[in-house]
Amino acid sequence: MVDCRNIIMSVLVLLSSWLLFVGRHHPRLLLGRAQRLTARAAASSVLQVGALLDLGSTGGRESRASISLALGDFYSSRPPDGSNTTVALHVADCKDDEITAASAAMTARCRH
């Protein structure tokens, strides 16, 4: 029997990889209409990124490490055009509990 946690973790890693790819190559797709900034404001903006991970599991810790590595790649590959866009990563531990994860997501959404 296939372990559902492994499948869910694989889907989450795939989804986060896709979001990082889209965010890097097509950042306007991830922003809502109200969040679209002018070019001048975007030059010094902070992009808020949230991740709900089960940090008690191996998959959660690996996902956090992968996201951190992706952020490092993002900063090292930016063109020297004077852009000051930074990514503020907010990681919440869902503790392998769906209710805690939903609560953390709502709290983070209200905060930012």
PDB file of N, CA and C in Angstrom:
ATOM      1  N   MET A   1       0.838  -1.180   0.000  1.00  0.00           N
ATOM      2  CA  MET A   1       0.000   0.000   0.000  1.00  0.00           C
ATOM      3  C   MET A   1       0.886   1.247   0.000  1.00  0.00           C
ATOM      4  N   VAL A   2       0.528   2.215  -0.782  1.00  0.00           N
ATOM      5  CA  VAL A   2       1.307   3.436  -0.918  1.00  0.00           C
ATOM      6  C   VAL A   2       1.014   4.352   0.266  1.00  0.00           C
ATOM      7  N   ASP A   3       2.061   4.898   0.835  1.00  0.00           N
ATOM      8  CA  ASP A   3       1.906   5.809   1.962  1.00  0.00           C
ATOM      9  C   ASP A   3       1.416   7.164   1.451  1.00  0.00           C
ATOM     10  N   CYS A   4       0.268   7.610   1.933  1.00  0.00           N
ATOM     11  CA  CYS A   4      -0.333   8.862   1.471  1.00  0.00           C
ATOM     12  C   CYS A   4       0.543  10.066   1.795  1.00  0.00           C
ATOM     13  N   ARG A   5       1.268  10.020   2.886  1.00  0.00           N
ATOM     14  CA  ARG A   5       2.126  11.147   3.253  1.00  0.00           C
ATOM     15  C   ARG A   5       3.214  11.363   2.214  1.00  0.00           C
ATOM     16  N   ASN A   6       3.781  10.274   1.693  1.00  0.00           N
ATOM     17  CA  ASN A   6       4.812  10.408   0.668  1.00  0.00           C
ATOM     18  C   ASN A   6       4.241  11.023  -0.599  1.00  0.00           C
ATOM     19  N   ILE A   7       3.042  10.627  -0.957  1.00  0.00           N
ATOM     20  CA  ILE A   7       2.408  11.185  -2.152  1.00  0.00           C
ATOM     21  C   ILE A   7       2.119  12.668  -1.948  1.00  0.00           C
ATOM     22  N   ILE A   8       1.572  13.014  -0.792  1.00  0.00           N
ATOM     23  CA  ILE A   8       1.261  14.410  -0.502  1.00  0.00           C
ATOM     24  C   ILE A   8       2.534  15.241  -0.494  1.00  0.00           C
ATOM     25  N   MET A   9       3.596  14.744   0.122  1.00  0.00           N
ATOM     26  CA  MET A   9       4.851  15.485   0.177  1.00  0.00           C
ATOM     27  C   MET A   9       5.421  15.672  -1.224  1.00  0.00           C
ATOM     28  N   SER A  10       5.321  14.637  -2.060  1.00  0.00           N
ATOM     29  CA  SER A  10       5.813  14.748  -3.438  1.00  0.00           C
ATOM     30  C   SER A  10       5.041  15.809  -4.208  1.00  0.00           C
ATOM     31  N   VAL A  11       3.730  15.835  -4.018  1.00  0.00           N
ATOM     32  CA  VAL A  11       2.910  16.840  -4.695  1.00  0.00           C
ATOM     33  C   VAL A  11       3.262  18.236  -4.199  1.00  0.00           C
ATOM     34  N   LEU A  12       3.473  18.397  -2.893  1.00  0.00           N
ATOM     35  CA  LEU A  12       3.830  19.705  -2.350  1.00  0.00           C
ATOM     36  C   LEU A  12       5.181  20.179  -2.864  1.00  0.00           C
ATOM     37  N   VAL A  13       6.150  19.283  -2.943  1.00  0.00           N
ATOM     38  CA  VAL A  13       7.467  19.648  -3.464  1.00  0.00           C
ATOM     39  C   VAL A  13       7.351  20.035  -4.936  1.00  0.00           C
ATOM     40  N   LEU A  14       6.576  19.277  -5.697  1.00  0.00           N
ATOM     41  CA  LEU A  14       6.373  19.595  -7.111  1.00  0.00           C
ATOM     42  C   LEU A  14       5.693  20.952  -7.260  1.00  0.00           C
ATOM     43  N   LEU A  15       4.679  21.210  -6.449  1.00  0.00           N
ATOM     44  CA  LEU A  15       3.970  22.480  -6.506  1.00  0.00           C
ATOM     45  C   LEU A  15       4.882  23.640  -6.132  1.00  0.00           C
ATOM     46  N   SER A  16       5.671  23.486  -5.070  1.00  0.00           N
ATOM     47  CA  SER A  16       6.572  24.570  -4.677  1.00  0.00           C
ATOM     48  C   SER A  16       7.633  24.810  -5.741  1.00  0.00           C
ATOM     49  N   SER A  17       8.118  23.755  -6.384  1.00  0.00           N
ATOM     50  CA  SER A  17       9.087  23.920  -7.471  1.00  0.00           C
ATOM     51  C   SER A  17       8.462  24.681  -8.631  1.00  0.00           C
ATOM     52  N   TRP A  18       7.217  24.344  -8.965  1.00  0.00           N
ATOM     53  CA  TRP A  18       6.526  25.034 -10.047  1.00  0.00           C
ATOM     54  C   TRP A  18       6.324  26.506  -9.702  1.00  0.00           C
ATOM     55  N   LEU A  19       5.919  26.786  -8.456  1.00  0.00           N
ATOM     56  CA  LEU A  19       5.707  28.171  -8.048  1.00  0.00           C
ATOM     57  C   LEU A  19       7.001  28.969  -8.099  1.00  0.00           C
ATOM     58  N   LEU A  20       8.110  28.361  -7.685  1.00  0.00           N
ATOM     59  CA  LEU A  20       9.387  29.059  -7.756  1.00  0.00           C
ATOM     60  C   LEU A  20       9.782  29.314  -9.205  1.00  0.00           C
ATOM     61  N   PHE A  21       9.534  28.354 -10.104  1.00  0.00           N
ATOM     62  CA  PHE A  21       9.835  28.542 -11.524  1.00  0.00           C
ATOM     63  C   PHE A  21       8.988  29.674 -12.099  1.00  0.00           C
ATOM     64  N   VAL A  22       7.690  29.632 -11.853  1.00  0.00           N
ATOM     65  CA  VAL A  22       6.799  30.668 -12.374  1.00  0.00           C
ATOM     66  C   VAL A  22       7.148  32.015 -11.758  1.00  0.00           C
ATOM     67  N   GLY A  23       7.436  32.030 -10.475  1.00  0.00           N
ATOM     68  CA  GLY A  23       7.792  33.272  -9.808  1.00  0.00           C
ATOM     69  C   GLY A  23       9.066  33.887 -10.352  1.00  0.00           C
ATOM     70  N   ARG A  24       9.965  33.051 -10.801  1.00  0.00           N
ATOM     71  CA  ARG A  24      11.234  33.552 -11.331  1.00  0.00           C
ATOM     72  C   ARG A  24      11.082  34.049 -12.765  1.00  0.00           C
ATOM     73  N   HIS A  25      10.343  33.314 -13.584  1.00  0.00           N
ATOM     74  CA  HIS A  25      10.248  33.650 -14.996  1.00  0.00           C
ATOM     75  C   HIS A  25       9.025  34.493 -15.353  1.00  0.00           C
ATOM     76  N   HIS A  26       7.965  34.398 -14.579  1.00  0.00           N
ATOM     77  CA  HIS A  26       6.738  35.151 -14.847  1.00  0.00           C
ATOM     78  C   HIS A  26       6.163  35.661 -13.525  1.00  0.00           C
ATOM     79  N   PRO A  27       6.857  36.561 -12.834  1.00  0.00           N
ATOM     80  CA  PRO A  27       6.405  36.979 -11.500  1.00  0.00           C
ATOM     81  C   PRO A  27       5.045  37.661 -11.493  1.00  0.00           C
ATOM     82  N   ARG A  28       4.641  38.282 -12.600  1.00  0.00           N
ATOM     83  CA  ARG A  28       3.351  38.968 -12.612  1.00  0.00           C
ATOM     84  C   ARG A  28       2.185  37.992 -12.517  1.00  0.00           C
ATOM     85  N   LEU A  29       2.406  36.716 -12.895  1.00  0.00           N
ATOM     86  CA  LEU A  29       1.335  35.727 -12.807  1.00  0.00           C
ATOM     87  C   LEU A  29       0.969  35.406 -11.362  1.00  0.00           C
ATOM     88  N   LEU A  30       1.919  35.577 -10.446  1.00  0.00           N
ATOM     89  CA  LEU A  30       1.663  35.238  -9.049  1.00  0.00           C
ATOM     90  C   LEU A  30       1.062  36.396  -8.260  1.00  0.00           C
ATOM     91  N   LEU A  31       1.054  37.574  -8.851  1.00  0.00           N
ATOM     92  CA  LEU A  31       0.538  38.733  -8.138  1.00  0.00           C
ATOM     93  C   LEU A  31      -0.906  38.995  -8.529  1.00  0.00           C
ATOM     94  N   GLY A  32      -1.720  39.306  -7.560  1.00  0.00           N
ATOM     95  CA  GLY A  32      -3.095  39.687  -7.839  1.00  0.00           C
ATOM     96  C   GLY A  32      -3.149  41.093  -8.411  1.00  0.00           C
ATOM     97  N   ARG A  33      -4.290  41.470  -8.933  1.00  0.00           N
ATOM     98  CA  ARG A  33      -4.435  42.789  -9.552  1.00  0.00           C
ATOM     99  C   ARG A  33      -4.092  43.903  -8.565  1.00  0.00           C
ATOM    100  N   ALA A  34      -4.526  43.774  -7.325  1.00  0.00           N
ATOM    101  CA  ALA A  34      -4.263  44.813  -6.333  1.00  0.00           C
ATOM    102  C   ALA A  34      -2.800  44.867  -5.920  1.00  0.00           C
ATOM    103  N   GLN A  35      -2.055  43.782  -6.126  1.00  0.00           N
ATOM    104  CA  GLN A  35      -0.659  43.737  -5.698  1.00  0.00           C
ATOM    105  C   GLN A  35       0.316  44.161  -6.783  1.00  0.00           C
ATOM    106  N   ARG A  36      -0.155  44.355  -8.009  1.00  0.00           N
ATOM    107  CA  ARG A  36       0.757  44.738  -9.090  1.00  0.00           C
ATOM    108  C   ARG A  36       1.278  46.141  -8.824  1.00  0.00           C
ATOM    109  N   LEU A  37       2.559  46.274  -8.877  1.00  0.00           N
ATOM    110  CA  LEU A  37       3.201  47.541  -8.551  1.00  0.00           C
ATOM    111  C   LEU A  37       3.759  48.179  -9.811  1.00  0.00           C
ATOM    112  N   THR A  38       3.992  49.455  -9.742  1.00  0.00           N
ATOM    113  CA  THR A  38       4.671  50.126 -10.844  1.00  0.00           C
ATOM    114  C   THR A  38       6.120  49.672 -10.867  1.00  0.00           C
ATOM    115  N   ALA A  39       6.789  49.918 -11.957  1.00  0.00           N
ATOM    116  CA  ALA A  39       8.181  49.477 -12.094  1.00  0.00           C
ATOM    117  C   ALA A  39       9.063  50.125 -11.034  1.00  0.00           C
ATOM    118  N   ARG A  40       8.801  51.361 -10.719  1.00  0.00           N
ATOM    119  CA  ARG A  40       9.623  52.053  -9.719  1.00  0.00           C
ATOM    120  C   ARG A  40       9.418  51.447  -8.326  1.00  0.00           C
ATOM    121  N   ALA A  41       8.180  51.182  -7.951  1.00  0.00           N
ATOM    122  CA  ALA A  41       7.905  50.600  -6.634  1.00  0.00           C
ATOM    123  C   ALA A  41       8.409  49.170  -6.557  1.00  0.00           C
ATOM    124  N   ALA A  42       8.322  48.439  -7.665  1.00  0.00           N
ATOM    125  CA  ALA A  42       8.776  47.049  -7.676  1.00  0.00           C
ATOM    126  C   ALA A  42      10.281  46.946  -7.528  1.00  0.00           C
ATOM    127  N   ALA A  43      11.000  48.015  -7.874  1.00  0.00           N
ATOM    128  CA  ALA A  43      12.461  47.983  -7.792  1.00  0.00           C
ATOM    129  C   ALA A  43      12.940  47.853  -6.355  1.00  0.00           C
ATOM    130  N   SER A  44      12.126  48.239  -5.394  1.00  0.00           N
ATOM    131  CA  SER A  44      12.543  48.140  -3.997  1.00  0.00           C
ATOM    132  C   SER A  44      11.462  47.461  -3.157  1.00  0.00           C
ATOM    133  N   SER A  45      10.843  46.441  -3.703  1.00  0.00           N
ATOM    134  CA  SER A  45       9.737  45.803  -3.001  1.00  0.00           C
ATOM    135  C   SER A  45      10.184  44.552  -2.255  1.00  0.00           C
ATOM    136  N   VAL A  46       9.356  44.163  -1.315  1.00  0.00           N
ATOM    137  CA  VAL A  46       9.566  42.932  -0.564  1.00  0.00           C
ATOM    138  C   VAL A  46       8.434  41.987  -0.939  1.00  0.00           C
ATOM    139  N   LEU A  47       8.794  40.824  -1.434  1.00  0.00           N
ATOM    140  CA  LEU A  47       7.819  39.813  -1.825  1.00  0.00           C
ATOM    141  C   LEU A  47       7.630  38.855  -0.654  1.00  0.00           C
ATOM    142  N   GLN A  48       6.427  38.805  -0.118  1.00  0.00           N
ATOM    143  CA  GLN A  48       6.113  37.944   1.020  1.00  0.00           C
ATOM    144  C   GLN A  48       5.774  36.542   0.515  1.00  0.00           C
ATOM    145  N   VAL A  49       6.506  35.535   0.987  1.00  0.00           N
ATOM    146  CA  VAL A  49       6.279  34.146   0.579  1.00  0.00           C
ATOM    147  C   VAL A  49       6.067  33.310   1.834  1.00  0.00           C
ATOM    148  N   GLY A  50       4.982  32.561   1.867  1.00  0.00           N
ATOM    149  CA  GLY A  50       4.693  31.707   3.006  1.00  0.00           C
ATOM    150  C   GLY A  50       4.744  30.239   2.637  1.00  0.00           C
ATOM    151  N   ALA A  51       5.196  29.424   3.572  1.00  0.00           N
ATOM    152  CA  ALA A  51       5.251  27.977   3.356  1.00  0.00           C
ATOM    153  C   ALA A  51       4.778  27.279   4.620  1.00  0.00           C
ATOM    154  N   LEU A  52       3.825  26.378   4.474  1.00  0.00           N
ATOM    155  CA  LEU A  52       3.353  25.551   5.580  1.00  0.00           C
ATOM    156  C   LEU A  52       3.991  24.183   5.429  1.00  0.00           C
ATOM    157  N   LEU A  53       4.855  23.834   6.344  1.00  0.00           N
ATOM    158  CA  LEU A  53       5.598  22.578   6.260  1.00  0.00           C
ATOM    159  C   LEU A  53       5.503  21.828   7.574  1.00  0.00           C
ATOM    160  N   ASP A  54       5.574  20.519   7.486  1.00  0.00           N
ATOM    161  CA  ASP A  54       5.669  19.688   8.680  1.00  0.00           C
ATOM    162  C   ASP A  54       7.155  19.542   8.988  1.00  0.00           C
ATOM    163  N   LEU A  55       7.675  20.424   9.830  1.00  0.00           N
ATOM    164  CA  LEU A  55       9.106  20.451  10.104  1.00  0.00           C
ATOM    165  C   LEU A  55       9.562  19.281  10.965  1.00  0.00           C
ATOM    166  N   GLY A  56       8.631  18.496  11.469  1.00  0.00           N
ATOM    167  CA  GLY A  56       8.982  17.305  12.228  1.00  0.00           C
ATOM    168  C   GLY A  56       9.267  16.110  11.335  1.00  0.00           C
ATOM    169  N   SER A  57       8.966  16.243  10.045  1.00  0.00           N
ATOM    170  CA  SER A  57       9.192  15.136   9.114  1.00  0.00           C
ATOM    171  C   SER A  57      10.416  15.419   8.249  1.00  0.00           C
ATOM    172  N   THR A  58      10.961  14.361   7.697  1.00  0.00           N
ATOM    173  CA  THR A  58      12.111  14.498   6.809  1.00  0.00           C
ATOM    174  C   THR A  58      11.734  15.303   5.573  1.00  0.00           C
ATOM    175  N   GLY A  59      10.573  15.033   5.009  1.00  0.00           N
ATOM    176  CA  GLY A  59      10.123  15.751   3.821  1.00  0.00           C
ATOM    177  C   GLY A  59       9.958  17.240   4.066  1.00  0.00           C
ATOM    178  N   GLY A  60       9.443  17.599   5.225  1.00  0.00           N
ATOM    179  CA  GLY A  60       9.276  19.011   5.563  1.00  0.00           C
ATOM    180  C   GLY A  60      10.607  19.727   5.692  1.00  0.00           C
ATOM    181  N   ARG A  61      11.555  19.073   6.356  1.00  0.00           N
ATOM    182  CA  ARG A  61      12.889  19.677   6.497  1.00  0.00           C
ATOM    183  C   ARG A  61      13.586  19.777   5.145  1.00  0.00           C
ATOM    184  N   GLU A  62      13.418  18.750   4.298  1.00  0.00           N
ATOM    185  CA  GLU A  62      14.018  18.787   2.962  1.00  0.00           C
ATOM    186  C   GLU A  62      13.376  19.882   2.110  1.00  0.00           C
ATOM    187  N   SER A  63      12.083  20.060   2.246  1.00  0.00           N
ATOM    188  CA  SER A  63      11.399  21.115   1.492  1.00  0.00           C
ATOM    189  C   SER A  63      11.896  22.488   1.918  1.00  0.00           C
ATOM    190  N   ARG A  64      12.068  22.683   3.222  1.00  0.00           N
ATOM    191  CA  ARG A  64      12.575  23.973   3.702  1.00  0.00           C
ATOM    192  C   ARG A  64      13.982  24.230   3.175  1.00  0.00           C
ATOM    193  N   ALA A  65      14.827  23.198   3.181  1.00  0.00           N
ATOM    194  CA  ALA A  65      16.183  23.351   2.647  1.00  0.00           C
ATOM    195  C   ALA A  65      16.143  23.655   1.151  1.00  0.00           C
ATOM    196  N   SER A  66      15.249  22.995   0.415  1.00  0.00           N
ATOM    197  CA  SER A  66      15.128  23.232  -1.030  1.00  0.00           C
ATOM    198  C   SER A  66      14.675  24.657  -1.322  1.00  0.00           C
ATOM    199  N   ILE A  67      13.733  25.145  -0.540  1.00  0.00           N
ATOM    200  CA  ILE A  67      13.256  26.518  -0.730  1.00  0.00           C
ATOM    201  C   ILE A  67      14.379  27.504  -0.433  1.00  0.00           C
ATOM    202  N   SER A  68      15.150  27.256   0.615  1.00  0.00           N
ATOM    203  CA  SER A  68      16.269  28.136   0.942  1.00  0.00           C
ATOM    204  C   SER A  68      17.313  28.137  -0.167  1.00  0.00           C
ATOM    205  N   LEU A  69      17.595  26.960  -0.734  1.00  0.00           N
ATOM    206  CA  LEU A  69      18.537  26.885  -1.855  1.00  0.00           C
ATOM    207  C   LEU A  69      17.997  27.637  -3.072  1.00  0.00           C
ATOM    208  N   ALA A  70      16.698  27.510  -3.322  1.00  0.00           N
ATOM    209  CA  ALA A  70      16.091  28.218  -4.455  1.00  0.00           C
ATOM    210  C   ALA A  70      16.179  29.729  -4.261  1.00  0.00           C
ATOM    211  N   LEU A  71      15.992  30.191  -3.032  1.00  0.00           N
ATOM    212  CA  LEU A  71      16.137  31.624  -2.763  1.00  0.00           C
ATOM    213  C   LEU A  71      17.573  32.079  -3.003  1.00  0.00           C
ATOM    214  N   GLY A  72      18.531  31.255  -2.614  1.00  0.00           N
ATOM    215  CA  GLY A  72      19.933  31.575  -2.884  1.00  0.00           C
ATOM    216  C   GLY A  72      20.197  31.685  -4.374  1.00  0.00           C
ATOM    217  N   ASP A  73      19.624  30.768  -5.155  1.00  0.00           N
ATOM    218  CA  ASP A  73      19.757  30.832  -6.616  1.00  0.00           C
ATOM    219  C   ASP A  73      19.099  32.095  -7.167  1.00  0.00           C
ATOM    220  N   PHE A  74      17.954  32.458  -6.611  1.00  0.00           N
ATOM    221  CA  PHE A  74      17.254  33.664  -7.054  1.00  0.00           C
ATOM    222  C   PHE A  74      18.130  34.894  -6.859  1.00  0.00           C
ATOM    223  N   TYR A  75      18.727  35.015  -5.678  1.00  0.00           N
ATOM    224  CA  TYR A  75      19.556  36.184  -5.407  1.00  0.00           C
ATOM    225  C   TYR A  75      20.832  36.190  -6.238  1.00  0.00           C
ATOM    226  N   SER A  76      21.416  35.025  -6.491  1.00  0.00           N
ATOM    227  CA  SER A  76      22.673  34.981  -7.244  1.00  0.00           C
ATOM    228  C   SER A  76      22.469  35.163  -8.746  1.00  0.00           C
ATOM    229  N   SER A  77      21.262  34.924  -9.253  1.00  0.00           N
ATOM    230  CA  SER A  77      21.032  35.010 -10.696  1.00  0.00           C
ATOM    231  C   SER A  77      20.387  36.320 -11.133  1.00  0.00           C
ATOM    232  N   ARG A  78      20.142  37.229 -10.208  1.00  0.00           N
ATOM    233  CA  ARG A  78      19.500  38.488 -10.585  1.00  0.00           C
ATOM    234  C   ARG A  78      20.464  39.357 -11.375  1.00  0.00           C
ATOM    235  N   PRO A  79      19.957  40.025 -12.407  1.00  0.00           N
ATOM    236  CA  PRO A  79      20.825  40.924 -13.171  1.00  0.00           C
ATOM    237  C   PRO A  79      21.163  42.160 -12.336  1.00  0.00           C
ATOM    238  N   PRO A  80      22.334  42.700 -12.557  1.00  0.00           N
ATOM    239  CA  PRO A  80      22.736  43.881 -11.778  1.00  0.00           C
ATOM    240  C   PRO A  80      22.085  45.154 -12.318  1.00  0.00           C
ATOM    241  N   ASP A  81      20.765  45.212 -12.329  1.00  0.00           N
ATOM    242  CA  ASP A  81      20.049  46.372 -12.868  1.00  0.00           C
ATOM    243  C   ASP A  81      19.579  47.317 -11.773  1.00  0.00           C
ATOM    244  N   GLY A  82      20.049  47.105 -10.571  1.00  0.00           N
ATOM    245  CA  GLY A  82      19.651  47.968  -9.476  1.00  0.00           C
ATOM    246  C   GLY A  82      18.372  47.532  -8.788  1.00  0.00           C
ATOM    247  N   SER A  83      17.840  46.385  -9.133  1.00  0.00           N
ATOM    248  CA  SER A  83      16.615  45.906  -8.513  1.00  0.00           C
ATOM    249  C   SER A  83      16.884  45.500  -7.068  1.00  0.00           C
ATOM    250  N   ASN A  84      16.052  45.976  -6.179  1.00  0.00           N
ATOM    251  CA  ASN A  84      16.219  45.673  -4.754  1.00  0.00           C
ATOM    252  C   ASN A  84      15.151  44.725  -4.244  1.00  0.00           C
ATOM    253  N   THR A  85      14.511  43.983  -5.104  1.00  0.00           N
ATOM    254  CA  THR A  85      13.447  43.083  -4.677  1.00  0.00           C
ATOM    255  C   THR A  85      14.013  41.999  -3.769  1.00  0.00           C
ATOM    256  N   THR A  86      13.419  41.861  -2.617  1.00  0.00           N
ATOM    257  CA  THR A  86      13.830  40.819  -1.684  1.00  0.00           C
ATOM    258  C   THR A  86      12.641  39.908  -1.402  1.00  0.00           C
ATOM    259  N   VAL A  87      12.954  38.711  -0.993  1.00  0.00           N
ATOM    260  CA  VAL A  87      11.928  37.727  -0.666  1.00  0.00           C
ATOM    261  C   VAL A  87      11.949  37.505   0.839  1.00  0.00           C
ATOM    262  N   ALA A  88      10.815  37.717   1.471  1.00  0.00           N
ATOM    263  CA  ALA A  88      10.676  37.462   2.902  1.00  0.00           C
ATOM    264  C   ALA A  88       9.971  36.117   3.060  1.00  0.00           C
ATOM    265  N   LEU A  89      10.724  35.109   3.475  1.00  0.00           N
ATOM    266  CA  LEU A  89      10.177  33.766   3.622  1.00  0.00           C
ATOM    267  C   LEU A  89       9.630  33.583   5.030  1.00  0.00           C
ATOM    268  N   HIS A  90       8.386  33.169   5.103  1.00  0.00           N
ATOM    269  CA  HIS A  90       7.721  32.895   6.376  1.00  0.00           C
ATOM    270  C   HIS A  90       7.355  31.413   6.390  1.00  0.00           C
ATOM    271  N   VAL A  91       7.994  30.650   7.262  1.00  0.00           N
ATOM    272  CA  VAL A  91       7.748  29.212   7.349  1.00  0.00           C
ATOM    273  C   VAL A  91       6.963  28.936   8.624  1.00  0.00           C
ATOM    274  N   ALA A  92       5.870  28.209   8.480  1.00  0.00           N
ATOM    275  CA  ALA A  92       5.064  27.810   9.633  1.00  0.00           C
ATOM    276  C   ALA A  92       5.050  26.286   9.708  1.00  0.00           C
ATOM    277  N   ASP A  93       5.203  25.773  10.914  1.00  0.00           N
ATOM    278  CA  ASP A  93       5.197  24.328  11.140  1.00  0.00           C
ATOM    279  C   ASP A  93       3.760  23.875  11.368  1.00  0.00           C
ATOM    280  N   CYS A  94       3.250  23.024  10.473  1.00  0.00           N
ATOM    281  CA  CYS A  94       1.866  22.548  10.610  1.00  0.00           C
ATOM    282  C   CYS A  94       1.772  21.348  11.548  1.00  0.00           C
ATOM    283  N   LYS A  95       2.909  20.802  11.963  1.00  0.00           N
ATOM    284  CA  LYS A  95       2.967  19.710  12.940  1.00  0.00           C
ATOM    285  C   LYS A  95       2.110  18.508  12.529  1.00  0.00           C
ATOM    286  N   ASP A  96       2.074  18.217  11.225  1.00  0.00           N
ATOM    287  CA  ASP A  96       1.340  17.067  10.685  1.00  0.00           C
ATOM    288  C   ASP A  96      -0.138  17.099  11.093  1.00  0.00           C
ATOM    289  N   ASP A  97      -0.706  18.296  11.147  1.00  0.00           N
ATOM    290  CA  ASP A  97      -2.101  18.449  11.544  1.00  0.00           C
ATOM    291  C   ASP A  97      -2.772  19.435  10.588  1.00  0.00           C
ATOM    292  N   GLU A  98      -3.809  18.985   9.900  1.00  0.00           N
ATOM    293  CA  GLU A  98      -4.462  19.808   8.898  1.00  0.00           C
ATOM    294  C   GLU A  98      -5.110  21.053   9.501  1.00  0.00           C
ATOM    295  N   ILE A  99      -5.663  20.925  10.700  1.00  0.00           N
ATOM    296  CA  ILE A  99      -6.329  22.067  11.343  1.00  0.00           C
ATOM    297  C   ILE A  99      -5.301  23.124  11.711  1.00  0.00           C
ATOM    298  N   THR A 100      -4.167  22.688  12.252  1.00  0.00           N
ATOM    299  CA  THR A 100      -3.100  23.627  12.584  1.00  0.00           C
ATOM    300  C   THR A 100      -2.594  24.313  11.324  1.00  0.00           C
ATOM    301  N   ALA A 101      -2.462  23.564  10.235  1.00  0.00           N
ATOM    302  CA  ALA A 101      -1.992  24.136   8.969  1.00  0.00           C
ATOM    303  C   ALA A 101      -2.969  25.192   8.455  1.00  0.00           C
ATOM    304  N   ALA A 102      -4.254  24.892   8.493  1.00  0.00           N
ATOM    305  CA  ALA A 102      -5.257  25.854   8.025  1.00  0.00           C
ATOM    306  C   ALA A 102      -5.252  27.105   8.896  1.00  0.00           C
ATOM    307  N   SER A 103      -5.121  26.923  10.198  1.00  0.00           N
ATOM    308  CA  SER A 103      -5.068  28.056  11.116  1.00  0.00           C
ATOM    309  C   SER A 103      -3.832  28.909  10.862  1.00  0.00           C
ATOM    310  N   ALA A 104      -2.692  28.262  10.649  1.00  0.00           N
ATOM    311  CA  ALA A 104      -1.454  28.997  10.378  1.00  0.00           C
ATOM    312  C   ALA A 104      -1.561  29.771   9.072  1.00  0.00           C
ATOM    313  N   ALA A 105      -2.201  29.182   8.072  1.00  0.00           N
ATOM    314  CA  ALA A 105      -2.368  29.865   6.782  1.00  0.00           C
ATOM    315  C   ALA A 105      -3.244  31.103   6.938  1.00  0.00           C
ATOM    316  N   MET A 106      -4.327  30.988   7.666  1.00  0.00           N
ATOM    317  CA  MET A 106      -5.214  32.135   7.859  1.00  0.00           C
ATOM    318  C   MET A 106      -4.534  33.225   8.678  1.00  0.00           C
ATOM    319  N   THR A 107      -3.783  32.836   9.702  1.00  0.00           N
ATOM    320  CA  THR A 107      -3.069  33.810  10.522  1.00  0.00           C
ATOM    321  C   THR A 107      -2.035  34.546   9.687  1.00  0.00           C
ATOM    322  N   ALA A 108      -1.283  33.803   8.878  1.00  0.00           N
ATOM    323  CA  ALA A 108      -0.256  34.418   8.035  1.00  0.00           C
ATOM    324  C   ALA A 108      -0.888  35.333   6.994  1.00  0.00           C
ATOM    325  N   ARG A 109      -2.007  34.935   6.441  1.00  0.00           N
ATOM    326  CA  ARG A 109      -2.671  35.751   5.425  1.00  0.00           C
ATOM    327  C   ARG A 109      -3.164  37.061   6.022  1.00  0.00           C
ATOM    328  N   CYS A 110      -3.674  37.013   7.230  1.00  0.00           N
ATOM    329  CA  CYS A 110      -4.162  38.228   7.882  1.00  0.00           C
ATOM    330  C   CYS A 110      -3.011  39.149   8.279  1.00  0.00           C
ATOM    331  N   ARG A 111      -1.884  38.558   8.627  1.00  0.00           N
ATOM    332  CA  ARG A 111      -0.739  39.328   9.084  1.00  0.00           C
ATOM    333  C   ARG A 111      -0.061  40.071   7.939  1.00  0.00           C
ATOM    334  N   HIS A 112      -0.055  39.463   6.756  1.00  0.00           N
ATOM    335  CA  HIS A 112       0.676  40.075   5.634  1.00  0.00           C
ATOM    336  C   HIS A 112      -0.312  40.404   4.590  1.00  0.00           C
TER     337      HIS A 112
END
